[in-house]
Amino acid sequence: MTAERFRGRPVRVIESEGSDPDTWEWEFRDGHLDTRGSVLAVVVPEGGPWEDAVLSIPPDVGALPVDFVRWALDVAERRLRG
């Protein structure tokens, strides 16, 4: 787990392999937006390219600011491309 900064506050980013070793997942946790846990996750399935990535938002999170989603996608893409 590492932290990235969004609007000056730390956001925890948990990077892991999915159930398939070729699947990568980045889980974003921002206590400012939701104190219960994950705000969103970006998953790249089965060793696919960035263009195959999907966004997962837990139903209980509700609405998220568009700039946070854009920022999280940028972070995940940067990490995938190394």
PDB file of N, CA and C in Angstrom:
ATOM      1  N   MET A   1       0.848  -1.171   0.000  1.00  0.00           N
ATOM      2  CA  MET A   1       0.000   0.000   0.000  1.00  0.00           C
ATOM      3  C   MET A   1       0.896   1.236   0.000  1.00  0.00           C
ATOM      4  N   THR A   2       0.514   2.185  -0.811  1.00  0.00           N
ATOM      5  CA  THR A   2       1.221   3.458  -0.855  1.00  0.00           C
ATOM      6  C   THR A   2       0.194   4.577  -0.779  1.00  0.00           C
ATOM      7  N   ALA A   3       0.689   5.769  -0.663  1.00  0.00           N
ATOM      8  CA  ALA A   3      -0.212   6.920  -0.635  1.00  0.00           C
ATOM      9  C   ALA A   3       0.121   7.846  -1.796  1.00  0.00           C
ATOM     10  N   GLU A   4      -0.902   8.403  -2.353  1.00  0.00           N
ATOM     11  CA  GLU A   4      -0.795   9.454  -3.365  1.00  0.00           C
ATOM     12  C   GLU A   4      -1.515  10.658  -2.785  1.00  0.00           C
ATOM     13  N   ARG A   5      -1.285  11.814  -3.345  1.00  0.00           N
ATOM     14  CA  ARG A   5      -1.943  13.010  -2.841  1.00  0.00           C
ATOM     15  C   ARG A   5      -2.952  13.531  -3.856  1.00  0.00           C
ATOM     16  N   PHE A   6      -4.162  13.787  -3.339  1.00  0.00           N
ATOM     17  CA  PHE A   6      -5.218  14.383  -4.140  1.00  0.00           C
ATOM     18  C   PHE A   6      -5.701  15.619  -3.403  1.00  0.00           C
ATOM     19  N   ARG A   7      -5.589  16.771  -4.061  1.00  0.00           N
ATOM     20  CA  ARG A   7      -5.963  18.052  -3.431  1.00  0.00           C
ATOM     21  C   ARG A   7      -5.279  18.242  -2.075  1.00  0.00           C
ATOM     22  N   GLY A   8      -4.046  17.782  -1.996  1.00  0.00           N
ATOM     23  CA  GLY A   8      -3.249  17.981  -0.792  1.00  0.00           C
ATOM     24  C   GLY A   8      -3.482  16.969   0.316  1.00  0.00           C
ATOM     25  N   ARG A   9      -4.414  16.050   0.145  1.00  0.00           N
ATOM     26  CA  ARG A   9      -4.660  15.069   1.207  1.00  0.00           C
ATOM     27  C   ARG A   9      -4.201  13.685   0.734  1.00  0.00           C
ATOM     28  N   PRO A  10      -3.794  12.839   1.679  1.00  0.00           N
ATOM     29  CA  PRO A  10      -3.340  11.500   1.296  1.00  0.00           C
ATOM     30  C   PRO A  10      -4.508  10.590   0.939  1.00  0.00           C
ATOM     31  N   VAL A  11      -4.302   9.814  -0.097  1.00  0.00           N
ATOM     32  CA  VAL A  11      -5.256   8.784  -0.513  1.00  0.00           C
ATOM     33  C   VAL A  11      -4.475   7.480  -0.567  1.00  0.00           C
ATOM     34  N   ARG A  12      -4.954   6.487   0.148  1.00  0.00           N
ATOM     35  CA  ARG A  12      -4.277   5.188   0.137  1.00  0.00           C
ATOM     36  C   ARG A  12      -4.590   4.469  -1.170  1.00  0.00           C
ATOM     37  N   VAL A  13      -3.541   3.914  -1.779  1.00  0.00           N
ATOM     38  CA  VAL A  13      -3.690   3.151  -3.010  1.00  0.00           C
ATOM     39  C   VAL A  13      -3.120   1.763  -2.746  1.00  0.00           C
ATOM     40  N   ILE A  14      -3.987   0.767  -2.866  1.00  0.00           N
ATOM     41  CA  ILE A  14      -3.579  -0.614  -2.640  1.00  0.00           C
ATOM     42  C   ILE A  14      -3.498  -1.289  -4.002  1.00  0.00           C
ATOM     43  N   GLU A  15      -2.303  -1.715  -4.338  1.00  0.00           N
ATOM     44  CA  GLU A  15      -2.064  -2.369  -5.631  1.00  0.00           C
ATOM     45  C   GLU A  15      -1.950  -3.859  -5.393  1.00  0.00           C
ATOM     46  N   SER A  16      -2.681  -4.646  -6.163  1.00  0.00           N
ATOM     47  CA  SER A  16      -2.623  -6.091  -5.967  1.00  0.00           C
ATOM     48  C   SER A  16      -2.923  -6.816  -7.266  1.00  0.00           C
ATOM     49  N   GLU A  17      -2.530  -8.088  -7.274  1.00  0.00           N
ATOM     50  CA  GLU A  17      -2.914  -8.962  -8.365  1.00  0.00           C
ATOM     51  C   GLU A  17      -4.313  -9.463  -8.047  1.00  0.00           C
ATOM     52  N   GLY A  18      -5.118  -9.628  -9.055  1.00  0.00           N
ATOM     53  CA  GLY A  18      -6.450 -10.166  -8.856  1.00  0.00           C
ATOM     54  C   GLY A  18      -6.401 -11.673  -8.684  1.00  0.00           C
ATOM     55  N   SER A  19      -7.521 -12.323  -8.814  1.00  0.00           N
ATOM     56  CA  SER A  19      -7.582 -13.780  -8.679  1.00  0.00           C
ATOM     57  C   SER A  19      -6.773 -14.463  -9.780  1.00  0.00           C
ATOM     58  N   ASP A  20      -6.664 -13.825 -10.921  1.00  0.00           N
ATOM     59  CA  ASP A  20      -5.820 -14.292 -12.021  1.00  0.00           C
ATOM     60  C   ASP A  20      -4.502 -13.533 -11.905  1.00  0.00           C
ATOM     61  N   PRO A  21      -3.362 -14.227 -11.933  1.00  0.00           N
ATOM     62  CA  PRO A  21      -2.077 -13.531 -11.765  1.00  0.00           C
ATOM     63  C   PRO A  21      -1.797 -12.440 -12.795  1.00  0.00           C
ATOM     64  N   ASP A  22      -2.500 -12.464 -13.921  1.00  0.00           N
ATOM     65  CA  ASP A  22      -2.299 -11.445 -14.943  1.00  0.00           C
ATOM     66  C   ASP A  22      -3.243 -10.259 -14.780  1.00  0.00           C
ATOM     67  N   THR A  23      -4.091 -10.295 -13.762  1.00  0.00           N
ATOM     68  CA  THR A  23      -5.038  -9.213 -13.511  1.00  0.00           C
ATOM     69  C   THR A  23      -4.473  -8.291 -12.439  1.00  0.00           C
ATOM     70  N   TRP A  24      -4.512  -6.996 -12.706  1.00  0.00           N
ATOM     71  CA  TRP A  24      -4.021  -6.013 -11.743  1.00  0.00           C
ATOM     72  C   TRP A  24      -5.166  -5.143 -11.250  1.00  0.00           C
ATOM     73  N   GLU A  25      -5.094  -4.779  -9.967  1.00  0.00           N
ATOM     74  CA  GLU A  25      -6.138  -3.962  -9.363  1.00  0.00           C
ATOM     75  C   GLU A  25      -5.510  -2.874  -8.496  1.00  0.00           C
ATOM     76  N   TRP A  26      -6.074  -1.670  -8.606  1.00  0.00           N
ATOM     77  CA  TRP A  26      -5.680  -0.551  -7.754  1.00  0.00           C
ATOM     78  C   TRP A  26      -6.923  -0.095  -7.014  1.00  0.00           C
ATOM     79  N   GLU A  27      -6.878  -0.210  -5.697  1.00  0.00           N
ATOM     80  CA  GLU A  27      -8.004   0.177  -4.852  1.00  0.00           C
ATOM     81  C   GLU A  27      -7.663   1.515  -4.201  1.00  0.00           C
ATOM     82  N   PHE A  28      -8.574   2.460  -4.300  1.00  0.00           N
ATOM     83  CA  PHE A  28      -8.356   3.802  -3.769  1.00  0.00           C
ATOM     84  C   PHE A  28      -9.226   4.001  -2.533  1.00  0.00           C
ATOM     85  N   ARG A  29      -8.589   4.438  -1.445  1.00  0.00           N
ATOM     86  CA  ARG A  29      -9.300   4.693  -0.190  1.00  0.00           C
ATOM     87  C   ARG A  29      -9.044   6.136   0.237  1.00  0.00           C
ATOM     88  N   ASP A  30     -10.109   6.893   0.313  1.00  0.00           N
ATOM     89  CA  ASP A  30     -10.030   8.305   0.701  1.00  0.00           C
ATOM     90  C   ASP A  30     -11.018   8.537   1.839  1.00  0.00           C
ATOM     91  N   GLY A  31     -10.492   8.671   3.050  1.00  0.00           N
ATOM     92  CA  GLY A  31     -11.339   8.873   4.218  1.00  0.00           C
ATOM     93  C   GLY A  31     -12.153  10.147   4.163  1.00  0.00           C
ATOM     94  N   HIS A  32     -11.724  11.091   3.360  1.00  0.00           N
ATOM     95  CA  HIS A  32     -12.480  12.331   3.199  1.00  0.00           C
ATOM     96  C   HIS A  32     -13.785  12.086   2.431  1.00  0.00           C
ATOM     97  N   LEU A  33     -13.750  11.180   1.470  1.00  0.00           N
ATOM     98  CA  LEU A  33     -14.935  10.888   0.654  1.00  0.00           C
ATOM     99  C   LEU A  33     -15.797   9.789   1.263  1.00  0.00           C
ATOM    100  N   ASP A  34     -15.169   8.814   1.919  1.00  0.00           N
ATOM    101  CA  ASP A  34     -15.911   7.711   2.533  1.00  0.00           C
ATOM    102  C   ASP A  34     -15.033   7.091   3.612  1.00  0.00           C
ATOM    103  N   THR A  35     -15.495   7.093   4.842  1.00  0.00           N
ATOM    104  CA  THR A  35     -14.686   6.598   5.955  1.00  0.00           C
ATOM    105  C   THR A  35     -14.728   5.077   6.100  1.00  0.00           C
ATOM    106  N   ARG A  36     -15.595   4.417   5.358  1.00  0.00           N
ATOM    107  CA  ARG A  36     -15.784   2.975   5.531  1.00  0.00           C
ATOM    108  C   ARG A  36     -14.808   2.114   4.750  1.00  0.00           C
ATOM    109  N   GLY A  37     -14.127   2.646   3.784  1.00  0.00           N
ATOM    110  CA  GLY A  37     -13.198   1.807   3.022  1.00  0.00           C
ATOM    111  C   GLY A  37     -13.007   2.291   1.607  1.00  0.00           C
ATOM    112  N   SER A  38     -13.031   1.352   0.687  1.00  0.00           N
ATOM    113  CA  SER A  38     -12.738   1.662  -0.701  1.00  0.00           C
ATOM    114  C   SER A  38     -13.728   2.645  -1.291  1.00  0.00           C
ATOM    115  N   VAL A  39     -13.192   3.575  -2.051  1.00  0.00           N
ATOM    116  CA  VAL A  39     -14.014   4.531  -2.780  1.00  0.00           C
ATOM    117  C   VAL A  39     -14.221   4.034  -4.203  1.00  0.00           C
ATOM    118  N   LEU A  40     -13.148   3.491  -4.782  1.00  0.00           N
ATOM    119  CA  LEU A  40     -13.242   2.919  -6.119  1.00  0.00           C
ATOM    120  C   LEU A  40     -12.061   2.004  -6.363  1.00  0.00           C
ATOM    121  N   ALA A  41     -12.180   1.191  -7.395  1.00  0.00           N
ATOM    122  CA  ALA A  41     -11.087   0.320  -7.814  1.00  0.00           C
ATOM    123  C   ALA A  41     -10.999   0.348  -9.332  1.00  0.00           C
ATOM    124  N   VAL A  42      -9.777   0.264  -9.823  1.00  0.00           N
ATOM    125  CA  VAL A  42      -9.526   0.167 -11.256  1.00  0.00           C
ATOM    126  C   VAL A  42      -8.897  -1.206 -11.481  1.00  0.00           C
ATOM    127  N   VAL A  43      -9.476  -1.971 -12.401  1.00  0.00           N
ATOM    128  CA  VAL A  43      -9.017  -3.336 -12.657  1.00  0.00           C
ATOM    129  C   VAL A  43      -8.659  -3.476 -14.134  1.00  0.00           C
ATOM    130  N   VAL A  44      -7.460  -4.039 -14.373  1.00  0.00           N
ATOM    131  CA  VAL A  44      -7.038  -4.381 -15.737  1.00  0.00           C
ATOM    132  C   VAL A  44      -7.035  -5.904 -15.803  1.00  0.00           C
ATOM    133  N   PRO A  45      -8.016  -6.490 -16.515  1.00  0.00           N
ATOM    134  CA  PRO A  45      -8.169  -7.946 -16.504  1.00  0.00           C
ATOM    135  C   PRO A  45      -7.191  -8.681 -17.403  1.00  0.00           C
ATOM    136  N   GLU A  46      -6.758  -9.817 -16.918  1.00  0.00           N
ATOM    137  CA  GLU A  46      -6.037 -10.833 -17.696  1.00  0.00           C
ATOM    138  C   GLU A  46      -4.900 -10.290 -18.549  1.00  0.00           C
ATOM    139  N   GLY A  47      -4.085  -9.425 -17.974  1.00  0.00           N
ATOM    140  CA  GLY A  47      -2.922  -8.926 -18.684  1.00  0.00           C
ATOM    141  C   GLY A  47      -3.237  -8.052 -19.872  1.00  0.00           C
ATOM    142  N   GLY A  48      -4.453  -7.575 -19.936  1.00  0.00           N
ATOM    143  CA  GLY A  48      -4.870  -6.749 -21.059  1.00  0.00           C
ATOM    144  C   GLY A  48      -4.228  -5.369 -21.021  1.00  0.00           C
ATOM    145  N   PRO A  49      -4.423  -4.616 -22.068  1.00  0.00           N
ATOM    146  CA  PRO A  49      -3.899  -3.255 -22.121  1.00  0.00           C
ATOM    147  C   PRO A  49      -4.779  -2.309 -21.291  1.00  0.00           C
ATOM    148  N   TRP A  50      -4.300  -1.108 -21.115  1.00  0.00           N
ATOM    149  CA  TRP A  50      -5.038  -0.107 -20.361  1.00  0.00           C
ATOM    150  C   TRP A  50      -6.455   0.085 -20.912  1.00  0.00           C
ATOM    151  N   GLU A  51      -6.615  -0.028 -22.184  1.00  0.00           N
ATOM    152  CA  GLU A  51      -7.915   0.180 -22.815  1.00  0.00           C
ATOM    153  C   GLU A  51      -8.970  -0.844 -22.360  1.00  0.00           C
ATOM    154  N   ASP A  52      -8.539  -1.948 -21.753  1.00  0.00           N
ATOM    155  CA  ASP A  52      -9.461  -2.958 -21.229  1.00  0.00           C
ATOM    156  C   ASP A  52      -9.808  -2.731 -19.752  1.00  0.00           C
ATOM    157  N   ALA A  53      -9.233  -1.706 -19.158  1.00  0.00           N
ATOM    158  CA  ALA A  53      -9.471  -1.443 -17.727  1.00  0.00           C
ATOM    159  C   ALA A  53     -10.943  -1.138 -17.459  1.00  0.00           C
ATOM    160  N   VAL A  54     -11.393  -1.534 -16.260  1.00  0.00           N
ATOM    161  CA  VAL A  54     -12.757  -1.241 -15.832  1.00  0.00           C
ATOM    162  C   VAL A  54     -12.704  -0.534 -14.482  1.00  0.00           C
ATOM    163  N   LEU A  55     -13.738   0.247 -14.229  1.00  0.00           N
ATOM    164  CA  LEU A  55     -13.858   1.013 -12.989  1.00  0.00           C
ATOM    165  C   LEU A  55     -14.959   0.386 -12.144  1.00  0.00           C
ATOM    166  N   SER A  56     -14.668   0.168 -10.876  1.00  0.00           N
ATOM    167  CA  SER A  56     -15.646  -0.412  -9.962  1.00  0.00           C
ATOM    168  C   SER A  56     -15.862   0.547  -8.798  1.00  0.00           C
ATOM    169  N   ILE A  57     -17.117   0.887  -8.545  1.00  0.00           N
ATOM    170  CA  ILE A  57     -17.470   1.775  -7.425  1.00  0.00           C
ATOM    171  C   ILE A  57     -18.493   1.038  -6.570  1.00  0.00           C
ATOM    172  N   PRO A  58     -18.209   0.825  -5.284  1.00  0.00           N
ATOM    173  CA  PRO A  58     -19.185   0.150  -4.433  1.00  0.00           C
ATOM    174  C   PRO A  58     -20.508   0.913  -4.407  1.00  0.00           C
ATOM    175  N   PRO A  59     -21.635   0.212  -4.434  1.00  0.00           N
ATOM    176  CA  PRO A  59     -22.935   0.883  -4.504  1.00  0.00           C
ATOM    177  C   PRO A  59     -23.216   1.805  -3.324  1.00  0.00           C
ATOM    178  N   ASP A  60     -22.646   1.504  -2.164  1.00  0.00           N
ATOM    179  CA  ASP A  60     -22.915   2.343  -0.996  1.00  0.00           C
ATOM    180  C   ASP A  60     -22.092   3.625  -0.960  1.00  0.00           C
ATOM    181  N   VAL A  61     -21.158   3.782  -1.891  1.00  0.00           N
ATOM    182  CA  VAL A  61     -20.344   5.002  -1.926  1.00  0.00           C
ATOM    183  C   VAL A  61     -21.162   6.189  -2.424  1.00  0.00           C
ATOM    184  N   GLY A  62     -22.009   5.959  -3.376  1.00  0.00           N
ATOM    185  CA  GLY A  62     -22.806   7.056  -3.929  1.00  0.00           C
ATOM    186  C   GLY A  62     -22.023   7.825  -4.969  1.00  0.00           C
ATOM    187  N   ALA A  63     -22.216   9.127  -5.001  1.00  0.00           N
ATOM    188  CA  ALA A  63     -21.589   9.980  -6.012  1.00  0.00           C
ATOM    189  C   ALA A  63     -20.143  10.309  -5.640  1.00  0.00           C
ATOM    190  N   LEU A  64     -19.314  10.413  -6.664  1.00  0.00           N
ATOM    191  CA  LEU A  64     -17.911  10.813  -6.490  1.00  0.00           C
ATOM    192  C   LEU A  64     -17.624  12.021  -7.364  1.00  0.00           C
ATOM    193  N   PRO A  65     -16.747  12.907  -6.908  1.00  0.00           N
ATOM    194  CA  PRO A  65     -16.360  14.033  -7.758  1.00  0.00           C
ATOM    195  C   PRO A  65     -15.643  13.544  -9.020  1.00  0.00           C
ATOM    196  N   VAL A  66     -15.999  14.116 -10.135  1.00  0.00           N
ATOM    197  CA  VAL A  66     -15.406  13.712 -11.412  1.00  0.00           C
ATOM    198  C   VAL A  66     -13.898  13.913 -11.406  1.00  0.00           C
ATOM    199  N   ASP A  67     -13.417  14.976 -10.792  1.00  0.00           N
ATOM    200  CA  ASP A  67     -11.966  15.191 -10.796  1.00  0.00           C
ATOM    201  C   ASP A  67     -11.237  14.125  -9.973  1.00  0.00           C
ATOM    202  N   PHE A  68     -11.880  13.570  -8.926  1.00  0.00           N
ATOM    203  CA  PHE A  68     -11.264  12.474  -8.171  1.00  0.00           C
ATOM    204  C   PHE A  68     -11.187  11.227  -9.046  1.00  0.00           C
ATOM    205  N   VAL A  69     -12.262  10.912  -9.758  1.00  0.00           N
ATOM    206  CA  VAL A  69     -12.273   9.737 -10.637  1.00  0.00           C
ATOM    207  C   VAL A  69     -11.207   9.886 -11.714  1.00  0.00           C
ATOM    208  N   ARG A  70     -11.132  11.044 -12.338  1.00  0.00           N
ATOM    209  CA  ARG A  70     -10.121  11.289 -13.380  1.00  0.00           C
ATOM    210  C   ARG A  70      -8.714  11.127 -12.801  1.00  0.00           C
ATOM    211  N   TRP A  71      -8.489  11.685 -11.615  1.00  0.00           N
ATOM    212  CA  TRP A  71      -7.186  11.585 -10.966  1.00  0.00           C
ATOM    213  C   TRP A  71      -6.838  10.121 -10.685  1.00  0.00           C
ATOM    214  N   ALA A  72      -7.793   9.350 -10.131  1.00  0.00           N
ATOM    215  CA  ALA A  72      -7.545   7.940  -9.815  1.00  0.00           C
ATOM    216  C   ALA A  72      -7.228   7.146 -11.082  1.00  0.00           C
ATOM    217  N   LEU A  73      -7.942   7.405 -12.164  1.00  0.00           N
ATOM    218  CA  LEU A  73      -7.654   6.730 -13.426  1.00  0.00           C
ATOM    219  C   LEU A  73      -6.253   7.059 -13.918  1.00  0.00           C
ATOM    220  N   ASP A  74      -5.840   8.312 -13.788  1.00  0.00           N
ATOM    221  CA  ASP A  74      -4.491   8.718 -14.198  1.00  0.00           C
ATOM    222  C   ASP A  74      -3.429   7.995 -13.366  1.00  0.00           C
ATOM    223  N   VAL A  75      -3.652   7.897 -12.046  1.00  0.00           N
ATOM    224  CA  VAL A  75      -2.708   7.209 -11.172  1.00  0.00           C
ATOM    225  C   VAL A  75      -2.602   5.738 -11.560  1.00  0.00           C
ATOM    226  N   ALA A  76      -3.727   5.065 -11.748  1.00  0.00           N
ATOM    227  CA  ALA A  76      -3.714   3.649 -12.116  1.00  0.00           C
ATOM    228  C   ALA A  76      -3.028   3.432 -13.467  1.00  0.00           C
ATOM    229  N   GLU A  77      -3.318   4.285 -14.427  1.00  0.00           N
ATOM    230  CA  GLU A  77      -2.673   4.136 -15.743  1.00  0.00           C
ATOM    231  C   GLU A  77      -1.160   4.341 -15.632  1.00  0.00           C
ATOM    232  N   ARG A  78      -0.760   5.329 -14.884  1.00  0.00           N
ATOM    233  CA  ARG A  78       0.678   5.589 -14.699  1.00  0.00           C
ATOM    234  C   ARG A  78       1.356   4.382 -14.058  1.00  0.00           C
ATOM    235  N   ARG A  79       0.713   3.798 -13.064  1.00  0.00           N
ATOM    236  CA  ARG A  79       1.301   2.644 -12.390  1.00  0.00           C
ATOM    237  C   ARG A  79       1.340   1.409 -13.304  1.00  0.00           C
ATOM    238  N   LEU A  80       0.331   1.223 -14.111  1.00  0.00           N
ATOM    239  CA  LEU A  80       0.317   0.097 -15.035  1.00  0.00           C
ATOM    240  C   LEU A  80       1.443   0.207 -16.042  1.00  0.00           C
ATOM    241  N   ARG A  81       1.619   1.385 -16.565  1.00  0.00           N
ATOM    242  CA  ARG A  81       2.633   1.597 -17.611  1.00  0.00           C
ATOM    243  C   ARG A  81       4.035   1.667 -17.041  1.00  0.00           C
ATOM    244  N   GLY A  82       4.120   1.849 -15.700  1.00  0.00           N
ATOM    245  CA  GLY A  82       5.401   1.841 -15.000  1.00  0.00           C
ATOM    246  C   GLY A  82       6.256   2.995 -15.359  1.00  0.00           C
TER     247      GLY A  82
END
